[in-house]
mmCIF file of all heavy atoms, coordinates in Angstrom:
data_MODEL
# 
_entry.id   MODEL 
# 
loop_
_atom_site.group_PDB 
_atom_site.id 
_atom_site.type_symbol 
_atom_site.label_atom_id 
_atom_site.label_alt_id 
_atom_site.label_comp_id 
_atom_site.label_asym_id 
_atom_site.label_entity_id 
_atom_site.label_seq_id 
_atom_site.pdbx_PDB_ins_code 
_atom_site.Cartn_x 
_atom_site.Cartn_y 
_atom_site.Cartn_z 
_atom_site.occupancy 
_atom_site.B_iso_or_equiv 
_atom_site.pdbx_formal_charge 
_atom_site.auth_seq_id 
_atom_site.auth_comp_id 
_atom_site.auth_asym_id 
_atom_site.auth_atom_id 
_atom_site.pdbx_PDB_model_num 
ATOM 1   N N   . VAL A 1 1  ? 105.389 78.971 113.302 1.00 0.00 ? 1  VAL A N   1 
ATOM 2   C CA  . VAL A 1 1  ? 105.230 79.512 111.962 1.00 0.00 ? 1  VAL A CA  1 
ATOM 3   C C   . VAL A 1 1  ? 104.610 78.437 111.071 1.00 0.00 ? 1  VAL A C   1 
ATOM 4   O O   . VAL A 1 1  ? 105.125 77.317 110.992 1.00 0.00 ? 1  VAL A O   1 
ATOM 5   C CB  . VAL A 1 1  ? 106.590 79.962 111.388 1.00 0.00 ? 1  VAL A CB  1 
ATOM 6   C CG1 . VAL A 1 1  ? 106.438 80.464 109.969 1.00 0.00 ? 1  VAL A CG1 1 
ATOM 7   C CG2 . VAL A 1 1  ? 107.203 81.028 112.263 1.00 0.00 ? 1  VAL A CG2 1 
ATOM 8   N N   . LEU A 1 2  ? 103.505 78.793 110.420 1.00 0.00 ? 2  LEU A N   1 
ATOM 9   C CA  . LEU A 1 2  ? 102.877 77.876 109.467 1.00 0.00 ? 2  LEU A CA  1 
ATOM 10  C C   . LEU A 1 2  ? 103.583 78.047 108.131 1.00 0.00 ? 2  LEU A C   1 
ATOM 11  O O   . LEU A 1 2  ? 103.647 79.153 107.597 1.00 0.00 ? 2  LEU A O   1 
ATOM 12  C CB  . LEU A 1 2  ? 101.390 78.196 109.323 1.00 0.00 ? 2  LEU A CB  1 
ATOM 13  C CG  . LEU A 1 2  ? 100.565 78.163 110.600 1.00 0.00 ? 2  LEU A CG  1 
ATOM 14  C CD1 . LEU A 1 2  ? 99.152  78.663 110.327 1.00 0.00 ? 2  LEU A CD1 1 
ATOM 15  C CD2 . LEU A 1 2  ? 100.521 76.767 111.160 1.00 0.00 ? 2  LEU A CD2 1 
ATOM 16  N N   . LYS A 1 3  ? 104.104 76.948 107.584 1.00 0.00 ? 3  LYS A N   1 
ATOM 17  C CA  . LYS A 1 3  ? 104.850 77.024 106.332 1.00 0.00 ? 3  LYS A CA  1 
ATOM 18  C C   . LYS A 1 3  ? 103.991 76.485 105.202 1.00 0.00 ? 3  LYS A C   1 
ATOM 19  O O   . LYS A 1 3  ? 103.544 75.343 105.237 1.00 0.00 ? 3  LYS A O   1 
ATOM 20  C CB  . LYS A 1 3  ? 106.152 76.249 106.451 1.00 0.00 ? 3  LYS A CB  1 
ATOM 21  C CG  . LYS A 1 3  ? 107.072 76.886 107.463 1.00 0.00 ? 3  LYS A CG  1 
ATOM 22  C CD  . LYS A 1 3  ? 108.294 76.083 107.714 1.00 0.00 ? 3  LYS A CD  1 
ATOM 23  C CE  . LYS A 1 3  ? 109.121 76.777 108.774 1.00 0.00 ? 3  LYS A CE  1 
ATOM 24  N NZ  . LYS A 1 3  ? 110.049 75.886 109.435 1.00 0.00 ? 3  LYS A NZ  1 
ATOM 25  N N   . ARG A 1 4  ? 103.758 77.341 104.219 1.00 0.00 ? 4  ARG A N   1 
ATOM 26  C CA  . ARG A 1 4  ? 102.943 76.982 103.065 1.00 0.00 ? 4  ARG A CA  1 
ATOM 27  C C   . ARG A 1 4  ? 103.746 77.237 101.794 1.00 0.00 ? 4  ARG A C   1 
ATOM 28  O O   . ARG A 1 4  ? 104.723 77.987 101.813 1.00 0.00 ? 4  ARG A O   1 
ATOM 29  C CB  . ARG A 1 4  ? 101.655 77.828 103.026 1.00 0.00 ? 4  ARG A CB  1 
ATOM 30  C CG  . ARG A 1 4  ? 100.805 77.728 104.264 1.00 0.00 ? 4  ARG A CG  1 
ATOM 31  C CD  . ARG A 1 4  ? 100.160 76.350 104.348 1.00 0.00 ? 4  ARG A CD  1 
ATOM 32  N NE  . ARG A 1 4  ? 99.273  76.245 105.492 1.00 0.00 ? 4  ARG A NE  1 
ATOM 33  C CZ  . ARG A 1 4  ? 99.584  75.641 106.612 1.00 0.00 ? 4  ARG A CZ  1 
ATOM 34  N NH1 . ARG A 1 4  ? 100.788 75.128 106.784 1.00 0.00 ? 4  ARG A NH1 1 
ATOM 35  N NH2 . ARG A 1 4  ? 98.704  75.550 107.593 1.00 0.00 ? 4  ARG A NH2 1 
ATOM 36  N N   . PHE A 1 5  ? 103.331 76.608 100.695 1.00 0.00 ? 5  PHE A N   1 
ATOM 37  C CA  . PHE A 1 5  ? 104.026 76.788 99.427  1.00 0.00 ? 5  PHE A CA  1 
ATOM 38  C C   . PHE A 1 5  ? 103.045 77.207 98.352  1.00 0.00 ? 5  PHE A C   1 
ATOM 39  O O   . PHE A 1 5  ? 101.927 76.711 98.290  1.00 0.00 ? 5  PHE A O   1 
ATOM 40  C CB  . PHE A 1 5  ? 104.742 75.501 99.024  1.00 0.00 ? 5  PHE A CB  1 
ATOM 41  C CG  . PHE A 1 5  ? 105.840 75.131 99.971  1.00 0.00 ? 5  PHE A CG  1 
ATOM 42  C CD1 . PHE A 1 5  ? 105.618 74.239 100.998 1.00 0.00 ? 5  PHE A CD1 1 
ATOM 43  C CD2 . PHE A 1 5  ? 107.089 75.712 99.854  1.00 0.00 ? 5  PHE A CD2 1 
ATOM 44  C CE1 . PHE A 1 5  ? 106.624 73.927 101.885 1.00 0.00 ? 5  PHE A CE1 1 
ATOM 45  C CE2 . PHE A 1 5  ? 108.094 75.394 100.736 1.00 0.00 ? 5  PHE A CE2 1 
ATOM 46  C CZ  . PHE A 1 5  ? 107.862 74.498 101.763 1.00 0.00 ? 5  PHE A CZ  1 
ATOM 47  N N   . ARG A 1 6  ? 103.474 78.126 97.504  1.00 0.00 ? 6  ARG A N   1 
ATOM 48  C CA  . ARG A 1 6  ? 102.659 78.620 96.406  1.00 0.00 ? 6  ARG A CA  1 
ATOM 49  C C   . ARG A 1 6  ? 103.382 78.281 95.095  1.00 0.00 ? 6  ARG A C   1 
ATOM 50  O O   . ARG A 1 6  ? 104.591 78.490 94.991  1.00 0.00 ? 6  ARG A O   1 
ATOM 51  C CB  . ARG A 1 6  ? 102.492 80.125 96.542  1.00 0.00 ? 6  ARG A CB  1 
ATOM 52  C CG  . ARG A 1 6  ? 101.911 80.778 95.323  1.00 0.00 ? 6  ARG A CG  1 
ATOM 53  C CD  . ARG A 1 6  ? 101.202 82.068 95.651  1.00 0.00 ? 6  ARG A CD  1 
ATOM 54  N NE  . ARG A 1 6  ? 99.773  81.777 95.628  1.00 0.00 ? 6  ARG A NE  1 
ATOM 55  C CZ  . ARG A 1 6  ? 98.935  82.021 96.620  1.00 0.00 ? 6  ARG A CZ  1 
ATOM 56  N NH1 . ARG A 1 6  ? 99.366  82.552 97.725  1.00 0.00 ? 6  ARG A NH1 1 
ATOM 57  N NH2 . ARG A 1 6  ? 97.666  81.755 96.496  1.00 0.00 ? 6  ARG A NH2 1 
ATOM 58  N N   . PRO A 1 7  ? 102.662 77.772 94.124  1.00 0.00 ? 7  PRO A N   1 
ATOM 59  C CA  . PRO A 1 7  ? 103.293 77.462 92.828  1.00 0.00 ? 7  PRO A CA  1 
ATOM 60  C C   . PRO A 1 7  ? 103.892 78.709 92.185  1.00 0.00 ? 7  PRO A C   1 
ATOM 61  O O   . PRO A 1 7  ? 103.317 79.796 92.266  1.00 0.00 ? 7  PRO A O   1 
ATOM 62  C CB  . PRO A 1 7  ? 102.142 76.923 91.983  1.00 0.00 ? 7  PRO A CB  1 
ATOM 63  C CG  . PRO A 1 7  ? 101.064 76.601 92.925  1.00 0.00 ? 7  PRO A CG  1 
ATOM 64  C CD  . PRO A 1 7  ? 101.246 77.446 94.140  1.00 0.00 ? 7  PRO A CD  1 
ATOM 65  N N   . ALA A 1 8  ? 105.033 78.539 91.572  1.00 0.00 ? 8  ALA A N   1 
ATOM 66  C CA  . ALA A 1 8  ? 105.698 79.640 90.889  1.00 0.00 ? 8  ALA A CA  1 
ATOM 67  C C   . ALA A 1 8  ? 106.040 79.190 89.469  1.00 0.00 ? 8  ALA A C   1 
ATOM 68  O O   . ALA A 1 8  ? 105.764 78.056 89.073  1.00 0.00 ? 8  ALA A O   1 
ATOM 69  C CB  . ALA A 1 8  ? 106.946 80.061 91.648  1.00 0.00 ? 8  ALA A CB  1 
ATOM 70  N N   . SER A 1 9  ? 106.651 80.073 88.737  1.00 0.00 ? 9  SER A N   1 
ATOM 71  C CA  . SER A 1 9  ? 106.934 79.777 87.335  1.00 0.00 ? 9  SER A CA  1 
ATOM 72  C C   . SER A 1 9  ? 107.940 78.647 87.168  1.00 0.00 ? 9  SER A C   1 
ATOM 73  O O   . SER A 1 9  ? 108.755 78.375 88.058  1.00 0.00 ? 9  SER A O   1 
ATOM 74  C CB  . SER A 1 9  ? 107.463 81.036 86.652  1.00 0.00 ? 9  SER A CB  1 
ATOM 75  O OG  . SER A 1 9  ? 108.678 81.415 87.254  1.00 0.00 ? 9  SER A OG  1 
ATOM 76  N N   . ARG A 1 10 ? 107.879 77.979 86.046  1.00 0.00 ? 10 ARG A N   1 
ATOM 77  C CA  . ARG A 1 10 ? 108.785 76.893 85.669  1.00 0.00 ? 10 ARG A CA  1 
ATOM 78  C C   . ARG A 1 10 ? 108.720 75.717 86.622  1.00 0.00 ? 10 ARG A C   1 
ATOM 79  O O   . ARG A 1 10 ? 109.735 75.050 86.882  1.00 0.00 ? 10 ARG A O   1 
ATOM 80  C CB  . ARG A 1 10 ? 110.211 77.394 85.561  1.00 0.00 ? 10 ARG A CB  1 
ATOM 81  C CG  . ARG A 1 10 ? 110.383 78.430 84.495  1.00 0.00 ? 10 ARG A CG  1 
ATOM 82  C CD  . ARG A 1 10 ? 111.805 78.882 84.419  1.00 0.00 ? 10 ARG A CD  1 
ATOM 83  N NE  . ARG A 1 10 ? 112.078 79.396 83.097  1.00 0.00 ? 10 ARG A NE  1 
ATOM 84  C CZ  . ARG A 1 10 ? 113.294 79.583 82.624  1.00 0.00 ? 10 ARG A CZ  1 
ATOM 85  N NH1 . ARG A 1 10 ? 114.342 79.292 83.364  1.00 0.00 ? 10 ARG A NH1 1 
ATOM 86  N NH2 . ARG A 1 10 ? 113.464 80.048 81.423  1.00 0.00 ? 10 ARG A NH2 1 
ATOM 87  N N   . GLY A 1 11 ? 107.561 75.489 87.226  1.00 0.00 ? 11 GLY A N   1 
ATOM 88  C CA  . GLY A 1 11 ? 107.382 74.319 88.075  1.00 0.00 ? 11 GLY A CA  1 
ATOM 89  C C   . GLY A 1 11 ? 108.006 74.418 89.454  1.00 0.00 ? 11 GLY A C   1 
ATOM 90  O O   . GLY A 1 11 ? 108.118 73.417 90.155  1.00 0.00 ? 11 GLY A O   1 
ATOM 91  N N   . SER A 1 12 ? 108.452 75.601 89.837  1.00 0.00 ? 12 SER A N   1 
ATOM 92  C CA  . SER A 1 12 ? 109.061 75.738 91.164  1.00 0.00 ? 12 SER A CA  1 
ATOM 93  C C   . SER A 1 12 ? 108.001 76.172 92.174  1.00 0.00 ? 12 SER A C   1 
ATOM 94  O O   . SER A 1 12 ? 106.858 76.409 91.812  1.00 0.00 ? 12 SER A O   1 
ATOM 95  C CB  . SER A 1 12 ? 110.210 76.752 91.121  1.00 0.00 ? 12 SER A CB  1 
ATOM 96  O OG  . SER A 1 12 ? 109.713 78.022 90.808  1.00 0.00 ? 12 SER A OG  1 
ATOM 97  N N   . ALA A 1 13 ? 108.393 76.257 93.415  1.00 0.00 ? 13 ALA A N   1 
ATOM 98  C CA  . ALA A 1 13 ? 107.476 76.678 94.478  1.00 0.00 ? 13 ALA A CA  1 
ATOM 99  C C   . ALA A 1 13 ? 108.165 77.705 95.360  1.00 0.00 ? 13 ALA A C   1 
ATOM 100 O O   . ALA A 1 13 ? 109.354 77.580 95.660  1.00 0.00 ? 13 ALA A O   1 
ATOM 101 C CB  . ALA A 1 13 ? 107.063 75.473 95.315  1.00 0.00 ? 13 ALA A CB  1 
ATOM 102 N N   . HIS A 1 14 ? 107.410 78.715 95.760  1.00 0.00 ? 14 HIS A N   1 
ATOM 103 C CA  . HIS A 1 14 ? 107.909 79.715 96.696  1.00 0.00 ? 14 HIS A CA  1 
ATOM 104 C C   . HIS A 1 14 ? 107.267 79.477 98.050  1.00 0.00 ? 14 HIS A C   1 
ATOM 105 O O   . HIS A 1 14 ? 106.071 79.196 98.136  1.00 0.00 ? 14 HIS A O   1 
ATOM 106 C CB  . HIS A 1 14 ? 107.584 81.126 96.210  1.00 0.00 ? 14 HIS A CB  1 
ATOM 107 C CG  . HIS A 1 14 ? 108.356 81.526 94.999  1.00 0.00 ? 14 HIS A CG  1 
ATOM 108 N ND1 . HIS A 1 14 ? 107.976 82.579 94.204  1.00 0.00 ? 14 HIS A ND1 1 
ATOM 109 C CD2 . HIS A 1 14 ? 109.481 81.037 94.438  1.00 0.00 ? 14 HIS A CD2 1 
ATOM 110 C CE1 . HIS A 1 14 ? 108.846 82.722 93.215  1.00 0.00 ? 14 HIS A CE1 1 
ATOM 111 N NE2 . HIS A 1 14 ? 109.764 81.783 93.338  1.00 0.00 ? 14 HIS A NE2 1 
ATOM 112 N N   . SER A 1 15 ? 108.064 79.617 99.095  1.00 0.00 ? 15 SER A N   1 
ATOM 113 C CA  . SER A 1 15 ? 107.539 79.370 100.434 1.00 0.00 ? 15 SER A CA  1 
ATOM 114 C C   . SER A 1 15 ? 106.855 80.613 100.983 1.00 0.00 ? 15 SER A C   1 
ATOM 115 O O   . SER A 1 15 ? 107.255 81.738 100.709 1.00 0.00 ? 15 SER A O   1 
ATOM 116 C CB  . SER A 1 15 ? 108.653 78.927 101.377 1.00 0.00 ? 15 SER A CB  1 
ATOM 117 O OG  . SER A 1 15 ? 109.606 79.945 101.515 1.00 0.00 ? 15 SER A OG  1 
ATOM 118 N N   . ILE A 1 16 ? 105.804 80.385 101.749 1.00 0.00 ? 16 ILE A N   1 
ATOM 119 C CA  . ILE A 1 16 ? 105.077 81.448 102.435 1.00 0.00 ? 16 ILE A CA  1 
ATOM 120 C C   . ILE A 1 16 ? 105.089 81.110 103.916 1.00 0.00 ? 16 ILE A C   1 
ATOM 121 O O   . ILE A 1 16 ? 104.742 79.992 104.299 1.00 0.00 ? 16 ILE A O   1 
ATOM 122 C CB  . ILE A 1 16 ? 103.631 81.556 101.925 1.00 0.00 ? 16 ILE A CB  1 
ATOM 123 C CG1 . ILE A 1 16 ? 103.635 81.978 100.462 1.00 0.00 ? 16 ILE A CG1 1 
ATOM 124 C CG2 . ILE A 1 16 ? 102.833 82.536 102.761 1.00 0.00 ? 16 ILE A CG2 1 
ATOM 125 C CD1 . ILE A 1 16 ? 102.270 81.981 99.850  1.00 0.00 ? 16 ILE A CD1 1 
ATOM 126 N N   . HIS A 1 17 ? 105.518 82.045 104.733 1.00 0.00 ? 17 HIS A N   1 
ATOM 127 C CA  . HIS A 1 17 ? 105.570 81.840 106.174 1.00 0.00 ? 17 HIS A CA  1 
ATOM 128 C C   . HIS A 1 17 ? 104.452 82.640 106.824 1.00 0.00 ? 17 HIS A C   1 
ATOM 129 O O   . HIS A 1 17 ? 104.436 83.866 106.755 1.00 0.00 ? 17 HIS A O   1 
ATOM 130 C CB  . HIS A 1 17 ? 106.919 82.275 106.747 1.00 0.00 ? 17 HIS A CB  1 
ATOM 131 C CG  . HIS A 1 17 ? 108.061 81.498 106.177 1.00 0.00 ? 17 HIS A CG  1 
ATOM 132 N ND1 . HIS A 1 17 ? 108.328 80.204 106.553 1.00 0.00 ? 17 HIS A ND1 1 
ATOM 133 C CD2 . HIS A 1 17 ? 108.986 81.815 105.242 1.00 0.00 ? 17 HIS A CD2 1 
ATOM 134 C CE1 . HIS A 1 17 ? 109.373 79.760 105.886 1.00 0.00 ? 17 HIS A CE1 1 
ATOM 135 N NE2 . HIS A 1 17 ? 109.801 80.720 105.073 1.00 0.00 ? 17 HIS A NE2 1 
ATOM 136 N N   . LYS A 1 18 ? 103.520 81.947 107.448 1.00 0.00 ? 18 LYS A N   1 
ATOM 137 C CA  . LYS A 1 18 ? 102.420 82.599 108.143 1.00 0.00 ? 18 LYS A CA  1 
ATOM 138 C C   . LYS A 1 18 ? 102.748 82.585 109.633 1.00 0.00 ? 18 LYS A C   1 
ATOM 139 O O   . LYS A 1 18 ? 102.656 81.559 110.290 1.00 0.00 ? 18 LYS A O   1 
ATOM 140 C CB  . LYS A 1 18 ? 101.103 81.866 107.873 1.00 0.00 ? 18 LYS A CB  1 
ATOM 141 C CG  . LYS A 1 18 ? 100.734 81.887 106.402 1.00 0.00 ? 18 LYS A CG  1 
ATOM 142 C CD  . LYS A 1 18 ? 99.385  81.293 106.172 1.00 0.00 ? 18 LYS A CD  1 
ATOM 143 C CE  . LYS A 1 18 ? 98.993  81.446 104.719 1.00 0.00 ? 18 LYS A CE  1 
ATOM 144 N NZ  . LYS A 1 18 ? 97.589  81.099 104.501 1.00 0.00 ? 18 LYS A NZ  1 
ATOM 145 N N   . THR A 1 19 ? 103.142 83.751 110.137 1.00 0.00 ? 19 THR A N   1 
ATOM 146 C CA  . THR A 1 19 ? 103.610 83.837 111.517 1.00 0.00 ? 19 THR A CA  1 
ATOM 147 C C   . THR A 1 19 ? 102.443 83.907 112.494 1.00 0.00 ? 19 THR A C   1 
ATOM 148 O O   . THR A 1 19 ? 101.374 84.410 112.172 1.00 0.00 ? 19 THR A O   1 
ATOM 149 C CB  . THR A 1 19 ? 104.506 85.063 111.724 1.00 0.00 ? 19 THR A CB  1 
ATOM 150 O OG1 . THR A 1 19 ? 103.759 86.228 111.385 1.00 0.00 ? 19 THR A OG1 1 
ATOM 151 C CG2 . THR A 1 19 ? 105.741 84.978 110.851 1.00 0.00 ? 19 THR A CG2 1 
ATOM 152 N N   . THR A 1 20 ? 102.691 83.398 113.687 1.00 0.00 ? 20 THR A N   1 
ATOM 153 C CA  . THR A 1 20 ? 101.705 83.483 114.761 1.00 0.00 ? 20 THR A CA  1 
ATOM 154 C C   . THR A 1 20 ? 102.363 84.130 115.970 1.00 0.00 ? 20 THR A C   1 
ATOM 155 O O   . THR A 1 20 ? 103.587 84.228 116.062 1.00 0.00 ? 20 THR A O   1 
ATOM 156 C CB  . THR A 1 20 ? 101.148 82.100 115.146 1.00 0.00 ? 20 THR A CB  1 
ATOM 157 O OG1 . THR A 1 20 ? 102.209 81.285 115.599 1.00 0.00 ? 20 THR A OG1 1 
ATOM 158 C CG2 . THR A 1 20 ? 100.450 81.441 113.976 1.00 0.00 ? 20 THR A CG2 1 
ATOM 159 N N   . THR A 1 21 ? 101.527 84.558 116.908 1.00 0.00 ? 21 THR A N   1 
ATOM 160 C CA  . THR A 1 21 ? 101.987 85.321 118.067 1.00 0.00 ? 21 THR A CA  1 
ATOM 161 C C   . THR A 1 21 ? 101.317 84.803 119.327 1.00 0.00 ? 21 THR A C   1 
ATOM 162 O O   . THR A 1 21 ? 100.166 84.379 119.297 1.00 0.00 ? 21 THR A O   1 
ATOM 163 C CB  . THR A 1 21 ? 101.612 86.805 117.872 1.00 0.00 ? 21 THR A CB  1 
ATOM 164 O OG1 . THR A 1 21 ? 102.202 87.273 116.673 1.00 0.00 ? 21 THR A OG1 1 
ATOM 165 C CG2 . THR A 1 21 ? 102.080 87.662 119.018 1.00 0.00 ? 21 THR A CG2 1 
ATOM 166 N N   . HIS A 1 22 ? 102.047 84.853 120.419 1.00 0.00 ? 22 HIS A N   1 
ATOM 167 C CA  . HIS A 1 22 ? 101.478 84.625 121.741 1.00 0.00 ? 22 HIS A CA  1 
ATOM 168 C C   . HIS A 1 22 ? 101.430 85.979 122.453 1.00 0.00 ? 22 HIS A C   1 
ATOM 169 O O   . HIS A 1 22 ? 102.446 86.648 122.575 1.00 0.00 ? 22 HIS A O   1 
ATOM 170 C CB  . HIS A 1 22 ? 102.319 83.659 122.571 1.00 0.00 ? 22 HIS A CB  1 
ATOM 171 C CG  . HIS A 1 22 ? 102.515 82.313 121.945 1.00 0.00 ? 22 HIS A CG  1 
ATOM 172 N ND1 . HIS A 1 22 ? 101.527 81.644 121.269 1.00 0.00 ? 22 HIS A ND1 1 
ATOM 173 C CD2 . HIS A 1 22 ? 103.605 81.504 121.902 1.00 0.00 ? 22 HIS A CD2 1 
ATOM 174 C CE1 . HIS A 1 22 ? 101.989 80.478 120.846 1.00 0.00 ? 22 HIS A CE1 1 
ATOM 175 N NE2 . HIS A 1 22 ? 103.255 80.383 121.207 1.00 0.00 ? 22 HIS A NE2 1 
ATOM 176 N N   . ILE A 1 23 ? 100.246 86.375 122.913 1.00 0.00 ? 23 ILE A N   1 
ATOM 177 C CA  . ILE A 1 23 ? 100.077 87.655 123.617 1.00 0.00 ? 23 ILE A CA  1 
ATOM 178 C C   . ILE A 1 23 ? 100.094 87.386 125.114 1.00 0.00 ? 23 ILE A C   1 
ATOM 179 O O   . ILE A 1 23 ? 99.293  86.606 125.612 1.00 0.00 ? 23 ILE A O   1 
ATOM 180 C CB  . ILE A 1 23 ? 98.735  88.312 123.238 1.00 0.00 ? 23 ILE A CB  1 
ATOM 181 C CG1 . ILE A 1 23 ? 98.676  88.586 121.742 1.00 0.00 ? 23 ILE A CG1 1 
ATOM 182 C CG2 . ILE A 1 23 ? 98.528  89.599 124.019 1.00 0.00 ? 23 ILE A CG2 1 
ATOM 183 C CD1 . ILE A 1 23 ? 97.315  88.993 121.264 1.00 0.00 ? 23 ILE A CD1 1 
ATOM 184 N N   . ARG A 1 24 ? 101.013 88.021 125.831 1.00 0.00 ? 24 ARG A N   1 
ATOM 185 C CA  . ARG A 1 24 ? 101.111 87.857 127.277 1.00 0.00 ? 24 ARG A CA  1 
ATOM 186 C C   . ARG A 1 24 ? 100.975 89.227 127.944 1.00 0.00 ? 24 ARG A C   1 
ATOM 187 O O   . ARG A 1 24 ? 101.703 90.158 127.619 1.00 0.00 ? 24 ARG A O   1 
ATOM 188 C CB  . ARG A 1 24 ? 102.436 87.224 127.674 1.00 0.00 ? 24 ARG A CB  1 
ATOM 189 C CG  . ARG A 1 24 ? 102.571 86.961 129.158 1.00 0.00 ? 24 ARG A CG  1 
ATOM 190 C CD  . ARG A 1 24 ? 103.945 86.403 129.494 1.00 0.00 ? 24 ARG A CD  1 
ATOM 191 N NE  . ARG A 1 24 ? 104.268 85.245 128.706 1.00 0.00 ? 24 ARG A NE  1 
ATOM 192 C CZ  . ARG A 1 24 ? 103.993 83.973 129.075 1.00 0.00 ? 24 ARG A CZ  1 
ATOM 193 N NH1 . ARG A 1 24 ? 103.382 83.752 130.198 1.00 0.00 ? 24 ARG A NH1 1 
ATOM 194 N NH2 . ARG A 1 24 ? 104.354 82.971 128.310 1.00 0.00 ? 24 ARG A NH2 1 
ATOM 195 N N   . ILE A 1 25 ? 100.028 89.317 128.889 1.00 0.00 ? 25 ILE A N   1 
ATOM 196 C CA  . ILE A 1 25 ? 99.807  90.557 129.633 1.00 0.00 ? 25 ILE A CA  1 
ATOM 197 C C   . ILE A 1 25 ? 99.913  90.247 131.119 1.00 0.00 ? 25 ILE A C   1 
ATOM 198 O O   . ILE A 1 25 ? 99.245  89.334 131.612 1.00 0.00 ? 25 ILE A O   1 
ATOM 199 C CB  . ILE A 1 25 ? 98.435  91.164 129.304 1.00 0.00 ? 25 ILE A CB  1 
ATOM 200 C CG1 . ILE A 1 25 ? 98.398  91.566 127.831 1.00 0.00 ? 25 ILE A CG1 1 
ATOM 201 C CG2 . ILE A 1 25 ? 98.146  92.353 130.190 1.00 0.00 ? 25 ILE A CG2 1 
ATOM 202 C CD1 . ILE A 1 25 ? 97.090  92.136 127.382 1.00 0.00 ? 25 ILE A CD1 1 
ATOM 203 N N   . VAL A 1 26 ? 100.763 90.988 131.809 1.00 0.00 ? 26 VAL A N   1 
ATOM 204 C CA  . VAL A 1 26 ? 100.956 90.815 133.250 1.00 0.00 ? 26 VAL A CA  1 
ATOM 205 C C   . VAL A 1 26 ? 100.465 92.082 133.941 1.00 0.00 ? 26 VAL A C   1 
ATOM 206 O O   . VAL A 1 26 ? 100.915 93.186 133.617 1.00 0.00 ? 26 VAL A O   1 
ATOM 207 C CB  . VAL A 1 26 ? 102.435 90.553 133.593 1.00 0.00 ? 26 VAL A CB  1 
ATOM 208 C CG1 . VAL A 1 26 ? 102.617 90.398 135.089 1.00 0.00 ? 26 VAL A CG1 1 
ATOM 209 C CG2 . VAL A 1 26 ? 102.947 89.326 132.864 1.00 0.00 ? 26 VAL A CG2 1 
# 
């Protein structure tokens, strides 16, 4: 999971989780 932060009000930050996937085909 790529973890990023976006500025929010009053100088705080909200986290953003950018998920990734592994595709497996048998």
